[in-house]
Amino acid sequence: MISLVELHLENNHISGEVPPMLRKTQFLDLSNNIISGRIPPVLQKFKHEVFVGNLDLCGPVMEISCRIVEEGDVSSKQEENESQKDDIYVGLYVSIGLGFYLAFWGVCGALTLKHSWRYAYFNFVDTTFNRIYVSIAIYVARFQRNSQT
């Protein structure tokens, strides 16, 4: 990238810091991205418009003074955000799994241990199945009788 002449990366949602290796670049557009950190001295020859839309970017070109940033500060913020997202998903998966486990064994355990509940449940299922079967049989018989006439 040292001998790169033109670089157009506007509106690409690129994040991270600007690399200082763009020494021979004559035209650069990094506007409207998520770039952060200090603008390297090599790139301070470009106008303000090249870096517009990058709120966390600082340096003389942006007229925003840079506070002293530790090397891992920017990347640690990104890692922290990703870690928080991962924690949300872990909690979601654990609660779904726990809910399924408790509901499944709550129903099956009750039917296994309690004879009267097991008898009532399977009696209900059998009765419901019979009602549905009889309703379908009556409907089919009516349909066949009406289609013959």
Protein backbone atom coordinates (compact mmCIF):
# COMPACT_ATOMS: atom_id res chain seq x y z
CA MET A 1 0.00 0.00 0.00
CA ILE A 2 3.04 2.27 0.09
CA SER A 3 2.79 3.19 -3.63
CA LEU A 4 -1.01 3.46 -3.75
CA VAL A 5 -2.00 6.59 -5.71
CA GLU A 6 -5.79 6.80 -5.23
CA LEU A 7 -8.03 5.35 -2.55
CA HIS A 8 -11.83 5.84 -2.51
CA LEU A 9 -13.44 4.30 0.59
CA GLU A 10 -16.28 6.72 1.33
CA ASN A 11 -19.57 5.41 2.80
CA ASN A 12 -18.32 1.87 3.49
CA HIS A 13 -18.78 1.58 7.28
CA ILE A 14 -15.06 0.89 7.66
CA SER A 15 -13.90 0.90 11.26
CA GLY A 16 -10.53 1.06 12.96
CA GLU A 17 -7.62 3.44 12.60
CA VAL A 18 -6.16 5.06 9.50
CA PRO A 19 -2.99 3.20 8.46
CA PRO A 20 0.10 5.44 8.24
CA MET A 21 1.49 3.50 5.23
CA LEU A 22 -0.27 5.63 2.58
CA ARG A 23 2.76 7.87 1.90
CA LYS A 24 2.49 8.29 -1.90
CA THR A 25 -1.29 8.57 -2.01
CA GLN A 26 -2.32 11.61 -4.04
CA PHE A 27 -6.09 11.28 -3.68
CA LEU A 28 -7.87 9.90 -0.64
CA ASP A 29 -11.53 9.81 0.43
CA LEU A 30 -12.37 8.19 3.77
CA SER A 31 -15.50 10.23 4.48
CA ASN A 32 -18.60 8.83 6.22
CA ASN A 33 -17.10 5.74 7.83
CA ILE A 34 -16.51 4.69 11.43
CA ILE A 35 -12.79 5.42 11.50
CA SER A 36 -11.31 6.41 14.84
CA GLY A 37 -8.02 7.53 16.32
CA ARG A 38 -5.37 10.01 15.28
CA ILE A 39 -4.82 10.99 11.65
CA PRO A 40 -1.24 9.97 10.80
CA PRO A 41 1.14 12.88 10.06
CA VAL A 42 1.69 11.54 6.52
CA LEU A 43 -2.02 12.05 5.73
CA GLN A 44 -2.39 15.49 7.27
CA LYS A 45 -1.70 17.03 3.84
CA PHE A 46 -5.30 16.23 2.80
CA LYS A 47 -8.24 18.58 3.33
CA HIS A 48 -10.90 18.27 6.02
CA GLU A 49 -13.49 16.88 3.54
CA VAL A 50 -11.50 13.66 3.13
CA PHE A 51 -12.22 12.67 6.75
CA VAL A 52 -15.72 14.16 7.26
CA GLY A 53 -18.28 11.88 8.92
CA ASN A 54 -15.81 10.01 11.12
CA LEU A 55 -16.79 11.23 14.56
CA ASP A 56 -14.00 9.53 16.50
CA LEU A 57 -11.22 10.78 14.24
CA CYS A 58 -8.93 13.52 15.55
CA GLY A 59 -5.93 15.58 14.52
CA PRO A 60 -5.03 19.01 13.14
CA VAL A 61 -6.98 18.40 9.90
CA MET A 62 -10.19 17.72 11.83
CA GLU A 63 -9.62 20.66 14.18
CA ILE A 64 -10.24 18.23 17.05
CA SER A 65 -7.33 17.76 19.39
CA CYS A 66 -6.44 14.18 20.21
CA ARG A 67 -6.31 13.10 23.78
CA ILE A 68 -3.53 10.72 24.62
CA VAL A 69 -4.91 7.35 23.65
CA GLU A 70 -3.46 4.10 24.84
CA GLU A 71 -2.77 1.65 22.03
CA GLY A 72 -5.51 -0.80 22.96
CA ASP A 73 -8.14 1.81 23.83
CA VAL A 74 -10.06 1.79 20.53
CA SER A 75 -9.85 -1.94 19.99
CA SER A 76 -10.82 -2.60 23.61
CA LYS A 77 -14.04 -0.59 23.11
CA GLN A 78 -14.90 -2.67 20.05
CA GLU A 79 -14.09 -5.89 21.90
CA GLU A 80 -16.22 -4.74 24.84
CA ASN A 81 -19.21 -4.09 22.55
CA GLU A 82 -18.82 -7.49 20.90
CA SER A 83 -18.50 -9.12 24.33
CA GLN A 84 -21.75 -7.48 25.48
CA LYS A 85 -23.54 -8.78 22.37
CA ASP A 86 -22.19 -12.27 23.01
CA ASP A 87 -23.37 -12.10 26.63
CA ILE A 88 -26.91 -11.24 25.50
CA TYR A 89 -26.99 -14.22 23.14
CA VAL A 90 -25.61 -16.57 25.79
CA GLY A 91 -28.32 -15.46 28.22
CA LEU A 92 -30.99 -15.90 25.55
CA TYR A 93 -29.83 -19.41 24.68
CA VAL A 94 -29.56 -20.45 28.32
CA SER A 95 -33.07 -19.19 29.11
CA ILE A 96 -34.56 -20.92 26.05
CA GLY A 97 -32.84 -24.19 26.92
CA LEU A 98 -33.79 -23.97 30.58
CA GLY A 99 -37.42 -23.15 29.71
CA PHE A 100 -37.67 -26.11 27.34
CA TYR A 101 -36.04 -28.46 29.85
CA LEU A 102 -38.31 -27.42 32.72
CA ALA A 103 -41.50 -27.47 30.63
CA PHE A 104 -40.71 -30.83 29.05
CA TRP A 105 -39.83 -32.56 32.30
CA GLY A 106 -42.62 -30.76 34.15
CA VAL A 107 -45.22 -32.28 31.84
CA CYS A 108 -43.54 -35.66 31.27
CA GLY A 109 -42.54 -36.00 34.92
CA ALA A 110 -46.05 -35.28 36.11
CA LEU A 111 -47.51 -37.80 33.65
CA THR A 112 -44.93 -40.39 34.64
CA LEU A 113 -45.29 -40.03 38.40
CA LYS A 114 -49.00 -39.30 38.81
CA HIS A 115 -51.19 -42.21 37.65
CA SER A 116 -54.48 -40.24 37.75
CA TRP A 117 -53.03 -37.38 35.68
CA ARG A 118 -51.57 -39.80 33.14
CA TYR A 119 -54.94 -41.58 32.82
CA ALA A 120 -56.84 -38.27 32.46
CA TYR A 121 -54.37 -36.91 29.88
CA PHE A 122 -54.39 -39.94 27.61
CA ASN A 123 -58.17 -40.26 27.98
CA PHE A 124 -58.46 -36.62 26.81
CA VAL A 125 -56.11 -37.25 23.85
CA ASP A 126 -58.01 -40.41 22.87
CA THR A 127 -61.42 -38.68 23.13
CA THR A 128 -60.21 -35.69 21.10
CA PHE A 129 -58.75 -37.97 18.42
CA ASN A 130 -62.04 -39.90 18.21
CA ARG A 131 -64.09 -36.69 17.86
CA ILE A 132 -61.88 -35.44 15.05
CA TYR A 133 -61.98 -38.84 13.31
CA VAL A 134 -65.79 -39.05 13.52
CA SER A 135 -66.19 -35.45 12.26
CA ILE A 136 -63.99 -36.18 9.24
CA ALA A 137 -65.81 -39.47 8.54
CA ILE A 138 -69.21 -37.71 8.62
CA TYR A 139 -67.93 -34.94 6.33
CA VAL A 140 -66.54 -37.46 3.83
CA ALA A 141 -69.80 -39.48 3.88
CA ARG A 142 -71.88 -36.34 3.23
CA PHE A 143 -69.56 -35.27 0.43
CA GLN A 144 -69.78 -38.69 -1.24
CA ARG A 145 -73.57 -38.79 -0.89
CA ASN A 146 -73.97 -35.26 -2.34
CA SER A 147 -71.58 -35.92 -5.22
CA GLN A 148 -73.54 -39.03 -6.33
CA THR A 149 -76.81 -37.16 -6.75
